[in-house]
Amino acid sequence: MNKSTLILGIGNILMGDEGVGVHVAKMLEKVNFPDHVTVLDGGTGGFHLLEYFDLHDRIIMIDATLDGLPPGTVRQIKPRFALDFPPAMSTHDIGLKDLVSALQLLGRMPEIDLLVVSIASIQQQGIYLTEEVQNATAGVIAKIKEMVENEMVVAET
């Protein structure tokens, strides 16, 4: 049986590259995923997402990070604890870390994969992604499709 999977895009689309997770989620809404996969625009995160974390065995999150790497660099992180998340960029990261801590305390921690896209800075206003980050979205989408397909293969064996 396949694990119920939530693909969760995080970010603020009004702040340029910081909204890359939401942009990717919007692109993934057009993909015909199996029934056990849900795509959600998580916006700026927070405790209102607890319900979604509770309903799924696996969460694939997409978010931006200010990690000093070249813009558009994509990394996969498997956070087990709140401190495993990249350093906070804005208030939405605090909410996600608190959410993960709450799930751990409740003993209801799903499997989490975090795909982070490196950005150069947080633009004060703007709804568009920079060229480097926009170019990275195709790789993020391909990685997510691969992760979902691999999960299905494992479930069949």
N, C-alpha and C. Protein backbone atom coordinates (compact mmCIF):
# COMPACT_ATOMS: atom_id res chain seq x y z
N MET A 1 0.84 -1.19 0.00
CA MET A 1 0.00 0.00 0.00
C MET A 1 0.89 1.25 0.00
N ASN A 2 0.52 2.22 -0.80
CA ASN A 2 1.29 3.46 -0.89
C ASN A 2 1.03 4.34 0.32
N LYS A 3 2.06 5.02 0.76
CA LYS A 3 1.91 5.99 1.84
C LYS A 3 1.18 7.21 1.30
N SER A 4 0.30 7.78 2.11
CA SER A 4 -0.32 9.04 1.69
C SER A 4 0.75 10.12 1.76
N THR A 5 0.88 10.85 0.67
CA THR A 5 1.96 11.82 0.53
C THR A 5 1.40 13.22 0.31
N LEU A 6 1.92 14.17 1.06
CA LEU A 6 1.58 15.58 0.88
C LEU A 6 2.79 16.28 0.29
N ILE A 7 2.60 16.94 -0.85
CA ILE A 7 3.63 17.79 -1.43
C ILE A 7 3.25 19.21 -1.04
N LEU A 8 4.11 19.84 -0.25
CA LEU A 8 3.78 21.10 0.39
C LEU A 8 4.75 22.20 -0.02
N GLY A 9 4.25 23.18 -0.75
CA GLY A 9 5.06 24.33 -1.14
C GLY A 9 4.93 25.43 -0.09
N ILE A 10 6.07 25.91 0.40
CA ILE A 10 6.09 26.92 1.46
C ILE A 10 6.74 28.19 0.93
N GLY A 11 6.22 29.34 1.34
CA GLY A 11 6.85 30.60 0.98
C GLY A 11 5.85 31.73 0.80
N ASN A 12 6.39 32.90 0.61
CA ASN A 12 5.58 34.09 0.41
C ASN A 12 5.81 34.58 -1.02
N ILE A 13 4.82 34.36 -1.88
CA ILE A 13 5.00 34.71 -3.30
C ILE A 13 5.10 36.21 -3.53
N LEU A 14 4.79 37.01 -2.53
CA LEU A 14 4.92 38.46 -2.69
C LEU A 14 6.35 38.94 -2.46
N MET A 15 7.25 38.00 -2.09
CA MET A 15 8.63 38.37 -1.79
C MET A 15 9.60 37.68 -2.74
N GLY A 16 9.25 37.60 -4.01
CA GLY A 16 10.15 37.08 -5.03
C GLY A 16 10.55 35.64 -4.80
N ASP A 17 11.85 35.38 -4.82
CA ASP A 17 12.38 34.02 -4.72
C ASP A 17 11.98 33.31 -3.43
N GLU A 18 11.67 34.06 -2.39
CA GLU A 18 11.26 33.46 -1.12
C GLU A 18 10.00 32.61 -1.31
N GLY A 19 9.25 32.87 -2.36
CA GLY A 19 8.02 32.13 -2.64
C GLY A 19 8.19 30.94 -3.57
N VAL A 20 9.41 30.48 -3.81
CA VAL A 20 9.64 29.41 -4.78
C VAL A 20 8.84 28.15 -4.45
N GLY A 21 8.69 27.82 -3.18
CA GLY A 21 7.93 26.62 -2.81
C GLY A 21 6.49 26.68 -3.27
N VAL A 22 5.88 27.84 -3.12
CA VAL A 22 4.50 28.03 -3.56
C VAL A 22 4.42 27.98 -5.09
N HIS A 23 5.38 28.60 -5.77
CA HIS A 23 5.40 28.55 -7.23
C HIS A 23 5.48 27.10 -7.72
N VAL A 24 6.34 26.30 -7.09
CA VAL A 24 6.48 24.89 -7.48
C VAL A 24 5.18 24.14 -7.20
N ALA A 25 4.55 24.39 -6.06
CA ALA A 25 3.28 23.73 -5.74
C ALA A 25 2.23 24.05 -6.80
N LYS A 26 2.18 25.30 -7.23
CA LYS A 26 1.21 25.70 -8.27
C LYS A 26 1.49 24.95 -9.57
N MET A 27 2.76 24.77 -9.92
CA MET A 27 3.11 24.02 -11.13
C MET A 27 2.73 22.54 -10.98
N LEU A 28 2.92 22.00 -9.78
CA LEU A 28 2.64 20.58 -9.54
C LEU A 28 1.14 20.28 -9.49
N GLU A 29 0.32 21.29 -9.27
CA GLU A 29 -1.13 21.08 -9.27
C GLU A 29 -1.61 20.59 -10.64
N LYS A 30 -0.83 20.83 -11.68
CA LYS A 30 -1.21 20.42 -13.03
C LYS A 30 -0.78 18.99 -13.35
N VAL A 31 0.02 18.38 -12.46
CA VAL A 31 0.53 17.02 -12.68
C VAL A 31 -0.53 16.02 -12.23
N ASN A 32 -0.71 14.96 -12.99
CA ASN A 32 -1.68 13.93 -12.65
C ASN A 32 -1.03 12.89 -11.73
N PHE A 33 -0.98 13.21 -10.44
CA PHE A 33 -0.39 12.30 -9.46
C PHE A 33 -1.41 11.23 -9.08
N PRO A 34 -0.93 10.10 -8.54
CA PRO A 34 -1.85 9.07 -8.04
C PRO A 34 -2.72 9.63 -6.90
N ASP A 35 -3.80 8.91 -6.60
CA ASP A 35 -4.77 9.38 -5.60
C ASP A 35 -4.18 9.58 -4.21
N HIS A 36 -3.11 8.88 -3.88
CA HIS A 36 -2.54 8.98 -2.52
C HIS A 36 -1.64 10.21 -2.36
N VAL A 37 -1.52 11.03 -3.41
CA VAL A 37 -0.66 12.22 -3.38
C VAL A 37 -1.53 13.48 -3.43
N THR A 38 -1.27 14.40 -2.50
CA THR A 38 -1.96 15.68 -2.44
C THR A 38 -0.93 16.79 -2.59
N VAL A 39 -1.26 17.81 -3.37
CA VAL A 39 -0.38 18.99 -3.52
C VAL A 39 -1.07 20.16 -2.82
N LEU A 40 -0.29 20.89 -2.01
CA LEU A 40 -0.86 21.99 -1.25
C LEU A 40 0.06 23.21 -1.27
N ASP A 41 -0.54 24.37 -1.51
CA ASP A 41 0.14 25.65 -1.33
C ASP A 41 0.05 25.96 0.15
N GLY A 42 1.16 25.79 0.87
CA GLY A 42 1.17 26.00 2.32
C GLY A 42 1.39 27.44 2.73
N GLY A 43 1.54 28.33 1.75
CA GLY A 43 1.75 29.73 2.07
C GLY A 43 2.94 29.92 2.99
N THR A 44 2.74 30.69 4.03
CA THR A 44 3.83 30.98 4.95
C THR A 44 3.88 30.02 6.13
N GLY A 45 3.18 28.90 6.03
CA GLY A 45 3.28 27.84 7.04
C GLY A 45 2.55 28.18 8.32
N GLY A 46 2.87 27.44 9.36
CA GLY A 46 2.27 27.68 10.66
C GLY A 46 1.43 26.51 11.14
N PHE A 47 0.83 26.71 12.31
CA PHE A 47 0.10 25.62 12.95
C PHE A 47 -1.16 25.20 12.20
N HIS A 48 -1.68 26.04 11.31
CA HIS A 48 -2.85 25.62 10.55
C HIS A 48 -2.54 24.43 9.64
N LEU A 49 -1.25 24.14 9.43
CA LEU A 49 -0.86 22.99 8.60
C LEU A 49 -0.83 21.68 9.39
N LEU A 50 -1.00 21.74 10.71
CA LEU A 50 -0.95 20.55 11.55
C LEU A 50 -1.93 19.48 11.06
N GLU A 51 -3.11 19.89 10.68
CA GLU A 51 -4.12 18.96 10.17
C GLU A 51 -3.60 18.19 8.96
N TYR A 52 -2.93 18.87 8.05
CA TYR A 52 -2.41 18.21 6.85
C TYR A 52 -1.28 17.24 7.19
N PHE A 53 -0.43 17.63 8.13
CA PHE A 53 0.65 16.74 8.56
C PHE A 53 0.07 15.49 9.22
N ASP A 54 -1.02 15.67 9.94
CA ASP A 54 -1.67 14.55 10.63
C ASP A 54 -2.28 13.55 9.65
N LEU A 55 -2.72 14.02 8.50
CA LEU A 55 -3.43 13.18 7.54
C LEU A 55 -2.52 12.42 6.59
N HIS A 56 -1.22 12.68 6.63
CA HIS A 56 -0.30 12.09 5.66
C HIS A 56 0.86 11.37 6.34
N ASP A 57 1.29 10.28 5.70
CA ASP A 57 2.42 9.51 6.21
C ASP A 57 3.75 10.14 5.82
N ARG A 58 3.73 10.85 4.71
CA ARG A 58 4.96 11.42 4.16
C ARG A 58 4.69 12.84 3.68
N ILE A 59 5.64 13.73 3.97
CA ILE A 59 5.53 15.13 3.53
C ILE A 59 6.77 15.45 2.70
N ILE A 60 6.55 15.97 1.50
CA ILE A 60 7.64 16.49 0.68
C ILE A 60 7.44 18.01 0.65
N MET A 61 8.34 18.72 1.30
CA MET A 61 8.24 20.17 1.40
C MET A 61 9.22 20.84 0.45
N ILE A 62 8.80 21.96 -0.12
CA ILE A 62 9.66 22.76 -0.98
C ILE A 62 9.72 24.16 -0.37
N ASP A 63 10.94 24.66 -0.17
CA ASP A 63 11.10 25.97 0.45
C ASP A 63 12.39 26.61 -0.05
N ALA A 64 12.47 27.91 0.11
CA ALA A 64 13.69 28.66 -0.22
C ALA A 64 14.59 28.70 1.00
N THR A 65 15.88 28.90 0.76
CA THR A 65 16.82 29.05 1.86
C THR A 65 17.93 30.03 1.49
N LEU A 66 18.36 30.78 2.48
CA LEU A 66 19.52 31.68 2.35
C LEU A 66 20.70 30.94 2.96
N ASP A 67 21.35 30.09 2.19
CA ASP A 67 22.42 29.25 2.73
C ASP A 67 23.80 29.59 2.18
N GLY A 68 23.89 30.66 1.40
CA GLY A 68 25.19 31.07 0.86
C GLY A 68 25.62 30.32 -0.39
N LEU A 69 24.85 29.33 -0.81
CA LEU A 69 25.15 28.60 -2.04
C LEU A 69 24.66 29.40 -3.24
N PRO A 70 25.14 29.09 -4.44
CA PRO A 70 24.68 29.83 -5.62
C PRO A 70 23.15 29.75 -5.77
N PRO A 71 22.51 30.86 -6.13
CA PRO A 71 21.07 30.84 -6.32
C PRO A 71 20.66 29.76 -7.31
N GLY A 72 19.60 29.04 -6.98
CA GLY A 72 19.12 27.96 -7.83
C GLY A 72 19.66 26.59 -7.44
N THR A 73 20.60 26.54 -6.48
CA THR A 73 21.09 25.25 -5.99
C THR A 73 19.95 24.55 -5.26
N VAL A 74 19.76 23.27 -5.55
CA VAL A 74 18.69 22.49 -4.91
C VAL A 74 19.34 21.40 -4.06
N ARG A 75 18.89 21.30 -2.81
CA ARG A 75 19.37 20.25 -1.92
C ARG A 75 18.19 19.53 -1.30
N GLN A 76 18.38 18.25 -1.03
CA GLN A 76 17.37 17.47 -0.32
C GLN A 76 17.87 17.22 1.10
N ILE A 77 17.01 17.53 2.06
CA ILE A 77 17.33 17.35 3.48
C ILE A 77 16.24 16.44 4.07
N LYS A 78 16.63 15.52 4.93
CA LYS A 78 15.67 14.69 5.65
C LYS A 78 15.69 15.10 7.12
N PRO A 79 14.96 16.17 7.46
CA PRO A 79 15.00 16.66 8.84
C PRO A 79 14.28 15.71 9.79
N ARG A 80 14.94 15.38 10.89
CA ARG A 80 14.32 14.55 11.91
C ARG A 80 13.86 15.39 13.09
N PHE A 81 14.50 16.53 13.26
CA PHE A 81 14.19 17.42 14.37
C PHE A 81 14.06 18.84 13.84
N ALA A 82 13.44 19.71 14.62
CA ALA A 82 13.26 21.11 14.19
C ALA A 82 14.59 21.78 13.88
N LEU A 83 15.63 21.43 14.62
CA LEU A 83 16.94 22.05 14.40
C LEU A 83 17.60 21.61 13.09
N ASP A 84 17.07 20.56 12.46
CA ASP A 84 17.63 20.09 11.19
C ASP A 84 17.21 20.97 10.02
N PHE A 85 16.23 21.85 10.22
CA PHE A 85 15.80 22.75 9.16
C PHE A 85 16.86 23.83 8.97
N PRO A 86 16.98 24.36 7.74
CA PRO A 86 17.94 25.45 7.50
C PRO A 86 17.62 26.65 8.39
N PRO A 87 18.59 27.54 8.59
CA PRO A 87 18.35 28.73 9.42
C PRO A 87 17.14 29.52 8.92
N ALA A 88 16.43 30.10 9.85
CA ALA A 88 15.22 30.86 9.51
C ALA A 88 15.55 32.05 8.62
N MET A 89 14.72 32.24 7.59
CA MET A 89 14.87 33.40 6.71
C MET A 89 13.82 34.44 7.05
N SER A 90 12.66 33.96 7.41
CA SER A 90 11.55 34.85 7.69
C SER A 90 10.67 34.15 8.72
N THR A 91 9.61 34.78 9.09
CA THR A 91 8.77 34.23 10.15
C THR A 91 8.15 32.89 9.79
N HIS A 92 8.02 32.56 8.52
CA HIS A 92 7.37 31.28 8.21
C HIS A 92 8.21 30.10 8.66
N ASP A 93 9.54 30.22 8.68
CA ASP A 93 10.38 29.12 9.14
C ASP A 93 10.17 28.84 10.62
N ILE A 94 9.95 29.87 11.40
CA ILE A 94 9.71 29.68 12.83
C ILE A 94 8.46 28.84 13.01
N GLY A 95 7.42 29.12 12.24
CA GLY A 95 6.19 28.34 12.33
C GLY A 95 6.39 26.89 11.96
N LEU A 96 7.20 26.60 10.94
CA LEU A 96 7.45 25.22 10.54
C LEU A 96 8.24 24.47 11.60
N LYS A 97 9.24 25.14 12.16
CA LYS A 97 10.03 24.49 13.21
C LYS A 97 9.16 24.20 14.43
N ASP A 98 8.29 25.13 14.78
CA ASP A 98 7.37 24.91 15.90
C ASP A 98 6.41 23.77 15.59
N LEU A 99 5.95 23.71 14.35
CA LEU A 99 5.05 22.64 13.94
C LEU A 99 5.71 21.28 14.07
N VAL A 100 6.94 21.17 13.60
CA VAL A 100 7.68 19.91 13.70
C VAL A 100 7.89 19.53 15.16
N SER A 101 8.23 20.50 15.99
CA SER A 101 8.40 20.23 17.42
C SER A 101 7.10 19.73 18.04
N ALA A 102 5.98 20.34 17.67
CA ALA A 102 4.68 19.91 18.19
C ALA A 102 4.37 18.48 17.76
N LEU A 103 4.64 18.15 16.51
CA LEU A 103 4.39 16.79 16.03
C LEU A 103 5.25 15.78 16.78
N GLN A 104 6.49 16.14 17.06
CA GLN A 104 7.37 15.24 17.83
C GLN A 104 6.82 15.03 19.23
N LEU A 105 6.37 16.10 19.87
CA LEU A 105 5.81 15.98 21.22
C LEU A 105 4.56 15.11 21.23
N LEU A 106 3.77 15.21 20.17
CA LEU A 106 2.54 14.42 20.08
C LEU A 106 2.80 12.99 19.61
N GLY A 107 4.04 12.71 19.19
CA GLY A 107 4.37 11.38 18.70
C GLY A 107 3.76 11.06 17.35
N ARG A 108 3.52 12.08 16.54
CA ARG A 108 2.87 11.90 15.24
C ARG A 108 3.72 12.46 14.10
N MET A 109 4.99 12.20 14.14
CA MET A 109 5.91 12.76 13.16
C MET A 109 5.87 11.95 11.86
N PRO A 110 5.42 12.56 10.76
CA PRO A 110 5.47 11.86 9.47
C PRO A 110 6.90 11.84 8.93
N GLU A 111 7.10 11.05 7.90
CA GLU A 111 8.39 11.07 7.18
C GLU A 111 8.44 12.39 6.41
N ILE A 112 9.53 13.14 6.55
CA ILE A 112 9.64 14.44 5.89
C ILE A 112 10.87 14.48 5.00
N ASP A 113 10.67 14.93 3.77
CA ASP A 113 11.75 15.28 2.86
C ASP A 113 11.60 16.76 2.56
N LEU A 114 12.68 17.50 2.72
CA LEU A 114 12.67 18.94 2.46
C LEU A 114 13.58 19.23 1.28
N LEU A 115 13.00 19.80 0.23
CA LEU A 115 13.78 20.25 -0.92
C LEU A 115 13.94 21.76 -0.77
N VAL A 116 15.18 22.19 -0.60
CA VAL A 116 15.43 23.62 -0.45
C VAL A 116 16.11 24.16 -1.70
N VAL A 117 15.69 25.35 -2.09
CA VAL A 117 16.26 26.04 -3.24
C VAL A 117 16.99 27.27 -2.70
N SER A 118 18.27 27.35 -2.99
CA SER A 118 19.08 28.49 -2.52
C SER A 118 18.68 29.75 -3.26
N ILE A 119 18.56 30.84 -2.49
CA ILE A 119 18.27 32.14 -3.08
C ILE A 119 19.35 33.12 -2.62
N ALA A 120 19.51 34.20 -3.38
CA ALA A 120 20.55 35.19 -3.06
C ALA A 120 20.10 36.13 -1.94
N SER A 121 18.83 36.51 -1.98
CA SER A 121 18.30 37.44 -0.98
C SER A 121 16.79 37.41 -1.03
N ILE A 122 16.20 38.01 -0.04
CA ILE A 122 14.74 38.14 -0.04
C ILE A 122 14.40 39.51 -0.61
N GLN A 123 13.73 39.51 -1.75
CA GLN A 123 13.31 40.77 -2.33
C GLN A 123 12.16 41.32 -1.48
N GLN A 124 12.12 42.61 -1.34
CA GLN A 124 11.08 43.22 -0.52
C GLN A 124 9.69 43.04 -1.12
N GLN A 125 9.58 43.18 -2.42
CA GLN A 125 8.29 42.99 -3.07
C GLN A 125 8.54 42.46 -4.47
N GLY A 126 7.61 41.68 -4.94
CA GLY A 126 7.70 41.16 -6.29
C GLY A 126 7.17 39.74 -6.34
N ILE A 127 6.44 39.42 -7.39
CA ILE A 127 5.83 38.10 -7.49
C ILE A 127 6.58 37.18 -8.44
N TYR A 128 7.67 37.65 -9.01
CA TYR A 128 8.40 36.84 -9.98
C TYR A 128 9.67 36.26 -9.38
N LEU A 129 10.05 35.10 -9.89
CA LEU A 129 11.29 34.46 -9.48
C LEU A 129 12.43 34.98 -10.35
N THR A 130 13.63 35.04 -9.78
CA THR A 130 14.80 35.40 -10.58
C THR A 130 15.07 34.26 -11.57
N GLU A 131 15.86 34.55 -12.57
CA GLU A 131 16.14 33.56 -13.61
C GLU A 131 16.76 32.28 -13.03
N GLU A 132 17.71 32.42 -12.12
CA GLU A 132 18.39 31.25 -11.55
C GLU A 132 17.42 30.35 -10.78
N VAL A 133 16.56 30.97 -10.00
CA VAL A 133 15.60 30.19 -9.20
C VAL A 133 14.51 29.61 -10.10
N GLN A 134 14.04 30.39 -11.07
CA GLN A 134 13.05 29.87 -12.02
C GLN A 134 13.60 28.66 -12.75
N ASN A 135 14.85 28.73 -13.17
CA ASN A 135 15.47 27.60 -13.88
C ASN A 135 15.57 26.36 -13.00
N ALA A 136 15.68 26.54 -11.69
CA ALA A 136 15.79 25.41 -10.77
C ALA A 136 14.46 24.68 -10.58
N THR A 137 13.34 25.33 -10.88
CA THR A 137 12.04 24.72 -10.61
C THR A 137 11.82 23.44 -11.41
N ALA A 138 12.33 23.37 -12.62
CA ALA A 138 12.16 22.14 -13.43
C ALA A 138 12.85 20.96 -12.76
N GLY A 139 14.03 21.19 -12.20
CA GLY A 139 14.74 20.13 -11.49
C GLY A 139 14.02 19.70 -10.22
N VAL A 140 13.44 20.66 -9.52
CA VAL A 140 12.68 20.35 -8.30
C VAL A 140 11.47 19.49 -8.66
N ILE A 141 10.76 19.87 -9.71
CA ILE A 141 9.58 19.11 -10.13
C ILE A 141 9.97 17.70 -10.55
N ALA A 142 11.05 17.57 -11.31
CA ALA A 142 11.52 16.24 -11.73
C ALA A 142 11.89 15.39 -10.52
N LYS A 143 12.54 15.99 -9.53
CA LYS A 143 12.93 15.27 -8.31
C LYS A 143 11.70 14.78 -7.55
N ILE A 144 10.69 15.62 -7.44
CA ILE A 144 9.47 15.24 -6.73
C ILE A 144 8.76 14.10 -7.46
N LYS A 145 8.66 14.19 -8.78
CA LYS A 145 8.05 13.10 -9.54
C LYS A 145 8.80 11.79 -9.32
N GLU A 146 10.13 11.88 -9.31
CA GLU A 146 10.96 10.70 -9.07
C GLU A 146 10.72 10.14 -7.66
N MET A 147 10.61 11.01 -6.68
CA MET A 147 10.37 10.56 -5.30
C MET A 147 9.03 9.84 -5.18
N VAL A 148 8.00 10.37 -5.83
CA VAL A 148 6.67 9.74 -5.80
C VAL A 148 6.72 8.40 -6.52
N GLU A 149 7.36 8.35 -7.68
CA GLU A 149 7.46 7.09 -8.43
C GLU A 149 8.24 6.04 -7.64
N ASN A 150 9.34 6.43 -7.00
CA ASN A 150 10.12 5.50 -6.19
C ASN A 150 9.31 4.96 -5.03
N GLU A 151 8.50 5.80 -4.42
CA GLU A 151 7.63 5.36 -3.32
C GLU A 151 6.65 4.30 -3.81
N MET A 152 6.14 4.48 -5.02
CA MET A 152 5.18 3.51 -5.57
C MET A 152 5.87 2.18 -5.85
N VAL A 153 7.10 2.21 -6.35
CA VAL A 153 7.85 0.98 -6.63
C VAL A 153 8.11 0.23 -5.33
N VAL A 154 8.52 0.95 -4.29
CA VAL A 154 8.78 0.32 -2.99
C VAL A 154 7.51 -0.32 -2.44
N ALA A 155 6.37 0.36 -2.59
CA ALA A 155 5.10 -0.15 -2.08
C ALA A 155 4.67 -1.42 -2.80
N GLU A 156 5.04 -1.56 -4.07
CA GLU A 156 4.65 -2.73 -4.85
C GLU A 156 5.48 -3.95 -4.51
N THR A 157 6.67 -3.78 -3.97
CA THR A 157 7.53 -4.93 -3.68
C THR A 157 7.27 -5.52 -2.32
